[in-house]
């Protein structure tokens, strides 16, 4: 069953994000969905044809991680946008943040610092389901750097395409706009 691109048009008109920026970002996301399906179809055909031991099959297997994670991370990112309410600090996620970072302000300072690091990538608030704690992690590429056994909770895309149309090189301003639009209920639903 092929993956289908989700419709995030409800985010259009969101404060701090132009419709041009969002529509470009949605198009990029749809490309990841399309490419994930293409790679999976090609891999299935190659397996059926007995070509699984070829270098081409191996390279496509590696490529699948890039395309799939590009698709899924964008879905997490778009789904944790569009909120208007602040984090309920007495809710599940609020308590996890306080327990893991000492306070919301400590988490926020670390999240901003991580998202502001030089380079392209993602900043992800992860829930370590084994160690029972939260931490912020820099992910340089879609397919590398994800800690094993961890569930993404809150994702910010800090590749240039996520902000340059609206903010140019002012990543800090983009991060502030992102923080004003977090859908905390969506992020909290990812805590298992």
C-alpha atoms as a PDB file:
ATOM      1  CA  UNK A   1       0.000   0.000   0.000  1.00  0.00           C
ATOM      2  CA  UNK A   2       1.702   3.239  -1.055  1.00  0.00           C
ATOM      3  CA  UNK A   3       2.063   6.183   1.277  1.00  0.00           C
ATOM      4  CA  UNK A   4      -0.113   9.202   0.571  1.00  0.00           C
ATOM      5  CA  UNK A   5       0.861  12.793   1.225  1.00  0.00           C
ATOM      6  CA  UNK A   6      -1.167  14.289   4.034  1.00  0.00           C
ATOM      7  CA  UNK A   7      -2.949  17.594   3.592  1.00  0.00           C
ATOM      8  CA  UNK A   8      -1.578  20.326   5.829  1.00  0.00           C
ATOM      9  CA  UNK A   9      -3.432  23.225   4.171  1.00  0.00           C
ATOM     10  CA  UNK A  10      -4.966  24.063   7.570  1.00  0.00           C
ATOM     11  CA  UNK A  11      -1.588  25.625   8.429  1.00  0.00           C
ATOM     12  CA  UNK A  12      -1.973  28.261   5.705  1.00  0.00           C
ATOM     13  CA  UNK A  13      -2.455  31.669   7.274  1.00  0.00           C
ATOM     14  CA  UNK A  14      -0.450  30.683  10.353  1.00  0.00           C
ATOM     15  CA  UNK A  15       1.226  33.679  11.974  1.00  0.00           C
ATOM     16  CA  UNK A  16       4.938  33.875  11.243  1.00  0.00           C
ATOM     17  CA  UNK A  17       4.802  31.598   8.179  1.00  0.00           C
ATOM     18  CA  UNK A  18       3.867  32.948   4.764  1.00  0.00           C
ATOM     19  CA  UNK A  19       1.642  30.877   2.520  1.00  0.00           C
ATOM     20  CA  UNK A  20       4.446  30.909  -0.064  1.00  0.00           C
ATOM     21  CA  UNK A  21       6.857  29.358   2.429  1.00  0.00           C
ATOM     22  CA  UNK A  22       4.348  26.748   3.551  1.00  0.00           C
ATOM     23  CA  UNK A  23       3.261  25.805   0.021  1.00  0.00           C
ATOM     24  CA  UNK A  24       6.899  25.365  -1.025  1.00  0.00           C
ATOM     25  CA  UNK A  25       7.495  23.254   2.053  1.00  0.00           C
ATOM     26  CA  UNK A  26       4.400  21.121   1.353  1.00  0.00           C
ATOM     27  CA  UNK A  27       5.670  20.508  -2.196  1.00  0.00           C
ATOM     28  CA  UNK A  28       9.049  19.396  -0.859  1.00  0.00           C
ATOM     29  CA  UNK A  29       7.291  17.037   1.569  1.00  0.00           C
ATOM     30  CA  UNK A  30       5.163  15.562  -1.236  1.00  0.00           C
ATOM     31  CA  UNK A  31       8.394  14.805  -3.096  1.00  0.00           C
ATOM     32  CA  UNK A  32       9.585  12.716  -0.149  1.00  0.00           C
ATOM     33  CA  UNK A  33       6.305  10.780  -0.173  1.00  0.00           C
ATOM     34  CA  UNK A  34       6.552  10.176  -3.925  1.00  0.00           C
ATOM     35  CA  UNK A  35      10.198   9.115  -3.699  1.00  0.00           C
ATOM     36  CA  UNK A  36       9.539   6.824  -0.722  1.00  0.00           C
ATOM     37  CA  UNK A  37       6.926   5.002  -2.788  1.00  0.00           C
ATOM     38  CA  UNK A  38       9.185   4.832  -5.852  1.00  0.00           C
ATOM     39  CA  UNK A  39      12.118   3.443  -3.887  1.00  0.00           C
ATOM     40  CA  UNK A  40       9.918   0.867  -2.127  1.00  0.00           C
ATOM     41  CA  UNK A  41       8.386  -0.243  -5.442  1.00  0.00           C
ATOM     42  CA  UNK A  42      11.796  -0.537  -7.077  1.00  0.00           C
ATOM     43  CA  UNK A  43      13.207  -2.501  -4.132  1.00  0.00           C
ATOM     44  CA  UNK A  44      10.239  -4.898  -4.222  1.00  0.00           C
ATOM     45  CA  UNK A  45      10.705  -5.437  -7.960  1.00  0.00           C
ATOM     46  CA  UNK A  46      14.448  -6.013  -7.587  1.00  0.00           C
ATOM     47  CA  UNK A  47      13.858  -8.511  -4.772  1.00  0.00           C
ATOM     48  CA  UNK A  48      11.328 -10.376  -6.898  1.00  0.00           C
ATOM     49  CA  UNK A  49      13.802 -10.423  -9.810  1.00  0.00           C
ATOM     50  CA  UNK A  50      16.572 -11.873  -7.623  1.00  0.00           C
ATOM     51  CA  UNK A  51      18.639  -8.665  -7.661  1.00  0.00           C
ATOM     52  CA  UNK A  52      18.897  -8.221  -3.891  1.00  0.00           C
ATOM     53  CA  UNK A  53      22.637  -8.949  -3.865  1.00  0.00           C
ATOM     54  CA  UNK A  54      23.454  -6.111  -6.263  1.00  0.00           C
ATOM     55  CA  UNK A  55      25.126  -2.810  -5.402  1.00  0.00           C
ATOM     56  CA  UNK A  56      22.085  -1.019  -6.866  1.00  0.00           C
ATOM     57  CA  UNK A  57      19.776  -2.754  -4.390  1.00  0.00           C
ATOM     58  CA  UNK A  58      22.100  -1.853  -1.504  1.00  0.00           C
ATOM     59  CA  UNK A  59      22.223   1.790  -2.539  1.00  0.00           C
ATOM     60  CA  UNK A  60      18.438   1.960  -2.860  1.00  0.00           C
ATOM     61  CA  UNK A  61      18.091   0.402   0.611  1.00  0.00           C
ATOM     62  CA  UNK A  62      20.303   3.185   1.949  1.00  0.00           C
ATOM     63  CA  UNK A  63      18.369   5.808  -0.003  1.00  0.00           C
ATOM     64  CA  UNK A  64      15.097   4.570   1.491  1.00  0.00           C
ATOM     65  CA  UNK A  65      16.185   5.863   4.916  1.00  0.00           C
ATOM     66  CA  UNK A  66      16.679   9.356   3.495  1.00  0.00           C
ATOM     67  CA  UNK A  67      13.368   9.489   1.632  1.00  0.00           C
ATOM     68  CA  UNK A  68      11.279   7.775   4.342  1.00  0.00           C
ATOM     69  CA  UNK A  69      12.669   9.889   7.187  1.00  0.00           C
ATOM     70  CA  UNK A  70      12.299  13.012   5.046  1.00  0.00           C
ATOM     71  CA  UNK A  71       8.631  12.104   4.673  1.00  0.00           C
ATOM     72  CA  UNK A  72       8.021  11.166   8.304  1.00  0.00           C
ATOM     73  CA  UNK A  73       9.975  14.018   9.917  1.00  0.00           C
ATOM     74  CA  UNK A  74       8.049  16.530   7.812  1.00  0.00           C
ATOM     75  CA  UNK A  75       4.788  14.915   8.930  1.00  0.00           C
ATOM     76  CA  UNK A  76       5.815  15.214  12.579  1.00  0.00           C
ATOM     77  CA  UNK A  77       6.927  18.802  11.967  1.00  0.00           C
ATOM     78  CA  UNK A  78       3.706  19.915  10.247  1.00  0.00           C
ATOM     79  CA  UNK A  79       1.566  18.066  12.809  1.00  0.00           C
ATOM     80  CA  UNK A  80       3.253  19.824  15.718  1.00  0.00           C
ATOM     81  CA  UNK A  81       2.460  23.231  14.175  1.00  0.00           C
ATOM     82  CA  UNK A  82      -0.753  25.241  14.201  1.00  0.00           C
ATOM     83  CA  UNK A  83      -1.253  25.499  17.936  1.00  0.00           C
ATOM     84  CA  UNK A  84      -2.374  28.608  19.751  1.00  0.00           C
ATOM     85  CA  UNK A  85      -2.158  27.530  23.390  1.00  0.00           C
ATOM     86  CA  UNK A  86       0.931  27.397  25.579  1.00  0.00           C
ATOM     87  CA  UNK A  87       2.230  24.137  26.989  1.00  0.00           C
ATOM     88  CA  UNK A  88       0.178  22.880  29.927  1.00  0.00           C
ATOM     89  CA  UNK A  89       3.031  22.632  32.412  1.00  0.00           C
ATOM     90  CA  UNK A  90       0.880  20.386  34.636  1.00  0.00           C
ATOM     91  CA  UNK A  91       0.109  18.024  31.746  1.00  0.00           C
ATOM     92  CA  UNK A  92       2.024  14.884  30.833  1.00  0.00           C
ATOM     93  CA  UNK A  93       4.528  16.586  28.530  1.00  0.00           C
ATOM     94  CA  UNK A  94       4.995  19.532  30.887  1.00  0.00           C
ATOM     95  CA  UNK A  95       5.830  17.171  33.727  1.00  0.00           C
ATOM     96  CA  UNK A  96       8.233  15.164  31.535  1.00  0.00           C
ATOM     97  CA  UNK A  97      10.013  18.377  30.494  1.00  0.00           C
ATOM     98  CA  UNK A  98      10.371  19.524  34.110  1.00  0.00           C
ATOM     99  CA  UNK A  99      11.555  16.088  35.211  1.00  0.00           C
ATOM    100  CA  UNK A 100      14.112  15.805  32.410  1.00  0.00           C
ATOM    101  CA  UNK A 101      15.402  19.387  32.244  1.00  0.00           C
ATOM    102  CA  UNK A 102      14.667  20.789  35.706  1.00  0.00           C
ATOM    103  CA  UNK A 103      12.293  23.400  34.292  1.00  0.00           C
ATOM    104  CA  UNK A 104      10.503  24.476  31.131  1.00  0.00           C
ATOM    105  CA  UNK A 105      12.911  27.413  30.807  1.00  0.00           C
ATOM    106  CA  UNK A 106      15.912  25.051  30.892  1.00  0.00           C
ATOM    107  CA  UNK A 107      14.327  22.925  28.156  1.00  0.00           C
ATOM    108  CA  UNK A 108      13.511  26.004  26.081  1.00  0.00           C
ATOM    109  CA  UNK A 109      17.065  27.362  26.352  1.00  0.00           C
ATOM    110  CA  UNK A 110      18.498  24.001  25.281  1.00  0.00           C
ATOM    111  CA  UNK A 111      15.982  23.565  22.445  1.00  0.00           C
ATOM    112  CA  UNK A 112      16.721  27.048  21.079  1.00  0.00           C
ATOM    113  CA  UNK A 113      20.479  26.526  21.399  1.00  0.00           C
ATOM    114  CA  UNK A 114      20.262  23.205  19.601  1.00  0.00           C
ATOM    115  CA  UNK A 115      18.062  24.591  16.819  1.00  0.00           C
ATOM    116  CA  UNK A 116      20.403  27.571  16.430  1.00  0.00           C
ATOM    117  CA  UNK A 117      23.531  25.506  15.829  1.00  0.00           C
ATOM    118  CA  UNK A 118      25.299  26.118  12.520  1.00  0.00           C
ATOM    119  CA  UNK A 119      24.389  23.658   9.827  1.00  0.00           C
ATOM    120  CA  UNK A 120      21.390  22.078   8.197  1.00  0.00           C
ATOM    121  CA  UNK A 121      19.122  19.554   9.801  1.00  0.00           C
ATOM    122  CA  UNK A 122      16.511  19.083  12.464  1.00  0.00           C
ATOM    123  CA  UNK A 123      16.181  19.592  16.176  1.00  0.00           C
ATOM    124  CA  UNK A 124      14.133  16.899  17.858  1.00  0.00           C
ATOM    125  CA  UNK A 125      12.859  16.604  21.397  1.00  0.00           C
ATOM    126  CA  UNK A 126      13.113  12.862  21.949  1.00  0.00           C
ATOM    127  CA  UNK A 127      11.468  10.625  24.506  1.00  0.00           C
ATOM    128  CA  UNK A 128      13.908   7.896  25.514  1.00  0.00           C
ATOM    129  CA  UNK A 129      11.382   5.155  26.143  1.00  0.00           C
ATOM    130  CA  UNK A 130      13.961   2.937  27.857  1.00  0.00           C
ATOM    131  CA  UNK A 131      15.742   5.549  29.970  1.00  0.00           C
ATOM    132  CA  UNK A 132      12.444   7.319  30.732  1.00  0.00           C
ATOM    133  CA  UNK A 133      13.625  10.833  29.983  1.00  0.00           C
ATOM    134  CA  UNK A 134      13.445  13.576  27.346  1.00  0.00           C
ATOM    135  CA  UNK A 135      16.367  15.221  25.570  1.00  0.00           C
ATOM    136  CA  UNK A 136      16.954  17.523  22.608  1.00  0.00           C
ATOM    137  CA  UNK A 137      19.023  16.144  19.746  1.00  0.00           C
ATOM    138  CA  UNK A 138      20.518  17.657  16.595  1.00  0.00           C
ATOM    139  CA  UNK A 139      19.933  15.552  13.484  1.00  0.00           C
ATOM    140  CA  UNK A 140      22.162  16.567  10.592  1.00  0.00           C
ATOM    141  CA  UNK A 141      20.580  14.399   7.892  1.00  0.00           C
ATOM    142  CA  UNK A 142      17.200  12.670   7.726  1.00  0.00           C
ATOM    143  CA  UNK A 143      18.654   9.189   7.848  1.00  0.00           C
ATOM    144  CA  UNK A 144      21.455   9.505  10.422  1.00  0.00           C
ATOM    145  CA  UNK A 145      21.785  10.446  14.054  1.00  0.00           C
ATOM    146  CA  UNK A 146      18.440   9.242  15.377  1.00  0.00           C
ATOM    147  CA  UNK A 147      18.969   7.668  18.804  1.00  0.00           C
ATOM    148  CA  UNK A 148      17.762   4.075  19.046  1.00  0.00           C
ATOM    149  CA  UNK A 149      14.710   3.397  21.182  1.00  0.00           C
ATOM    150  CA  UNK A 150      13.588   7.023  21.167  1.00  0.00           C
ATOM    151  CA  UNK A 151      10.288   8.539  20.032  1.00  0.00           C
ATOM    152  CA  UNK A 152      10.310  11.982  18.383  1.00  0.00           C
ATOM    153  CA  UNK A 153       8.054  14.300  20.388  1.00  0.00           C
ATOM    154  CA  UNK A 154       8.627  17.789  18.975  1.00  0.00           C
ATOM    155  CA  UNK A 155      10.388  18.483  15.684  1.00  0.00           C
ATOM    156  CA  UNK A 156      11.656  21.698  14.136  1.00  0.00           C
ATOM    157  CA  UNK A 157      13.014  21.686  10.601  1.00  0.00           C
ATOM    158  CA  UNK A 158      16.119  23.879  10.449  1.00  0.00           C
ATOM    159  CA  UNK A 159      17.059  23.201   6.854  1.00  0.00           C
ATOM    160  CA  UNK A 160      17.118  26.525   4.997  1.00  0.00           C
ATOM    161  CA  UNK A 161      13.972  25.728   3.000  1.00  0.00           C
ATOM    162  CA  UNK A 162      11.989  25.900   6.247  1.00  0.00           C
ATOM    163  CA  UNK A 163      12.703  29.580   6.844  1.00  0.00           C
ATOM    164  CA  UNK A 164      14.743  31.455   4.235  1.00  0.00           C
ATOM    165  CA  UNK A 165      11.790  32.668   2.124  1.00  0.00           C
ATOM    166  CA  UNK A 166      10.367  34.483   5.151  1.00  0.00           C
ATOM    167  CA  UNK A 167      13.413  35.090   7.349  1.00  0.00           C
ATOM    168  CA  UNK A 168      16.481  35.056   5.118  1.00  0.00           C
ATOM    169  CA  UNK A 169      19.421  34.208   7.364  1.00  0.00           C
ATOM    170  CA  UNK A 170      17.575  35.129  10.579  1.00  0.00           C
ATOM    171  CA  UNK A 171      17.119  31.595  11.896  1.00  0.00           C
ATOM    172  CA  UNK A 172      16.505  32.870  15.434  1.00  0.00           C
ATOM    173  CA  UNK A 173      13.417  34.776  14.239  1.00  0.00           C
ATOM    174  CA  UNK A 174      12.125  31.613  12.552  1.00  0.00           C
ATOM    175  CA  UNK A 175      12.677  29.617  15.746  1.00  0.00           C
ATOM    176  CA  UNK A 176      10.632  32.196  17.686  1.00  0.00           C
ATOM    177  CA  UNK A 177       7.807  31.957  15.111  1.00  0.00           C
ATOM    178  CA  UNK A 178       7.916  28.167  15.385  1.00  0.00           C
ATOM    179  CA  UNK A 179       7.720  28.302  19.183  1.00  0.00           C
ATOM    180  CA  UNK A 180       4.633  30.557  19.001  1.00  0.00           C
ATOM    181  CA  UNK A 181       2.852  27.996  16.798  1.00  0.00           C
ATOM    182  CA  UNK A 182       3.511  24.699  18.549  1.00  0.00           C
ATOM    183  CA  UNK A 183       0.556  22.353  18.755  1.00  0.00           C
ATOM    184  CA  UNK A 184       1.421  21.013  22.193  1.00  0.00           C
ATOM    185  CA  UNK A 185      -1.430  18.500  22.153  1.00  0.00           C
ATOM    186  CA  UNK A 186       0.091  16.844  19.074  1.00  0.00           C
ATOM    187  CA  UNK A 187       3.541  16.767  20.692  1.00  0.00           C
ATOM    188  CA  UNK A 188       2.112  15.367  23.932  1.00  0.00           C
ATOM    189  CA  UNK A 189       0.281  12.611  22.046  1.00  0.00           C
ATOM    190  CA  UNK A 190       3.682  11.201  21.032  1.00  0.00           C
ATOM    191  CA  UNK A 191       4.667  10.442  24.626  1.00  0.00           C
ATOM    192  CA  UNK A 192       4.073   6.736  25.028  1.00  0.00           C
END
